[in-house]
Amino acid sequence: MVRVDYNLFLDHAHFFPEDVYLTDETLQWTIVFTHEDDINNRRLIMQVGL
């Protein structure tokens, strides 16, 4: 787990692996960026609790 400012992450996301889980400090929400694509060849992004 790495603590990083959200905007800093967005500016440097290409340095992170393809599967990234973002959450707040309370763990009340999560956004998952995966390496999986849907049937239209678009990247899947899942969110819970937002």
C-alpha atoms as a PDB file:
ATOM      1  CA  MET A   1       0.000   0.000   0.000  1.00  0.00           C
ATOM      2  CA  VAL A   2       1.252   3.443  -0.921  1.00  0.00           C
ATOM      3  CA  ARG A   3      -0.128   6.746   0.333  1.00  0.00           C
ATOM      4  CA  VAL A   4      -0.155   9.264  -2.484  1.00  0.00           C
ATOM      5  CA  ASP A   5      -2.062  12.406  -3.387  1.00  0.00           C
ATOM      6  CA  TYR A   6      -4.792  11.609  -5.926  1.00  0.00           C
ATOM      7  CA  ASN A   7      -3.646  14.240  -8.431  1.00  0.00           C
ATOM      8  CA  LEU A   8      -0.052  13.085  -8.077  1.00  0.00           C
ATOM      9  CA  PHE A   9      -1.235   9.549  -8.804  1.00  0.00           C
ATOM     10  CA  LEU A  10      -3.138  10.678 -11.898  1.00  0.00           C
ATOM     11  CA  ASP A  11      -0.095  12.542 -13.188  1.00  0.00           C
ATOM     12  CA  HIS A  12       2.117   9.456 -12.726  1.00  0.00           C
ATOM     13  CA  ALA A  13      -0.341   6.561 -13.184  1.00  0.00           C
ATOM     14  CA  HIS A  14       1.692   5.195 -16.089  1.00  0.00           C
ATOM     15  CA  PHE A  15       4.439   4.237 -13.588  1.00  0.00           C
ATOM     16  CA  PHE A  16       2.081   1.949 -11.634  1.00  0.00           C
ATOM     17  CA  PRO A  17       1.157  -1.638 -12.569  1.00  0.00           C
ATOM     18  CA  GLU A  18      -2.019  -2.251 -14.562  1.00  0.00           C
ATOM     19  CA  ASP A  19      -4.047  -3.521 -11.583  1.00  0.00           C
ATOM     20  CA  VAL A  20      -4.384  -0.654  -9.093  1.00  0.00           C
ATOM     21  CA  TYR A  21      -6.777  -0.409  -6.149  1.00  0.00           C
ATOM     22  CA  LEU A  22      -7.512   3.110  -4.868  1.00  0.00           C
ATOM     23  CA  THR A  23      -9.230   3.683  -1.529  1.00  0.00           C
ATOM     24  CA  ASP A  24      -9.620   6.410   1.051  1.00  0.00           C
ATOM     25  CA  GLU A  25      -8.123   6.209   4.550  1.00  0.00           C
ATOM     26  CA  THR A  26     -11.417   4.963   6.031  1.00  0.00           C
ATOM     27  CA  LEU A  27     -11.685   2.155   3.442  1.00  0.00           C
ATOM     28  CA  GLN A  28     -15.274   3.265   2.761  1.00  0.00           C
ATOM     29  CA  TRP A  29     -14.824   3.248  -1.019  1.00  0.00           C
ATOM     30  CA  THR A  30     -12.609   1.577  -3.592  1.00  0.00           C
ATOM     31  CA  ILE A  31     -11.884   2.124  -7.268  1.00  0.00           C
ATOM     32  CA  VAL A  32     -10.184  -0.707  -9.141  1.00  0.00           C
ATOM     33  CA  PHE A  33      -8.314  -0.212 -12.401  1.00  0.00           C
ATOM     34  CA  THR A  34      -7.778  -3.595 -14.058  1.00  0.00           C
ATOM     35  CA  HIS A  35      -5.977  -4.979 -17.067  1.00  0.00           C
ATOM     36  CA  GLU A  36      -9.247  -6.564 -18.251  1.00  0.00           C
ATOM     37  CA  ASP A  37     -11.254  -5.263 -21.222  1.00  0.00           C
ATOM     38  CA  ASP A  38     -14.996  -5.581 -21.862  1.00  0.00           C
ATOM     39  CA  ILE A  39     -16.530  -7.025 -25.035  1.00  0.00           C
ATOM     40  CA  ASN A  40     -16.127  -3.629 -26.756  1.00  0.00           C
ATOM     41  CA  ASN A  41     -12.383  -3.640 -25.977  1.00  0.00           C
ATOM     42  CA  ARG A  42     -12.723  -0.885 -23.347  1.00  0.00           C
ATOM     43  CA  ARG A  43     -10.803  -1.069 -20.082  1.00  0.00           C
ATOM     44  CA  LEU A  44     -12.897  -2.178 -17.099  1.00  0.00           C
ATOM     45  CA  ILE A  45     -12.964   0.183 -14.121  1.00  0.00           C
ATOM     46  CA  MET A  46     -14.937  -0.931 -11.060  1.00  0.00           C
ATOM     47  CA  GLN A  47     -16.047   1.158  -8.101  1.00  0.00           C
ATOM     48  CA  VAL A  48     -17.684   0.309  -4.781  1.00  0.00           C
ATOM     49  CA  GLY A  49     -19.076   2.672  -2.169  1.00  0.00           C
ATOM     50  CA  LEU A  50     -18.976   5.904  -4.183  1.00  0.00           C
END
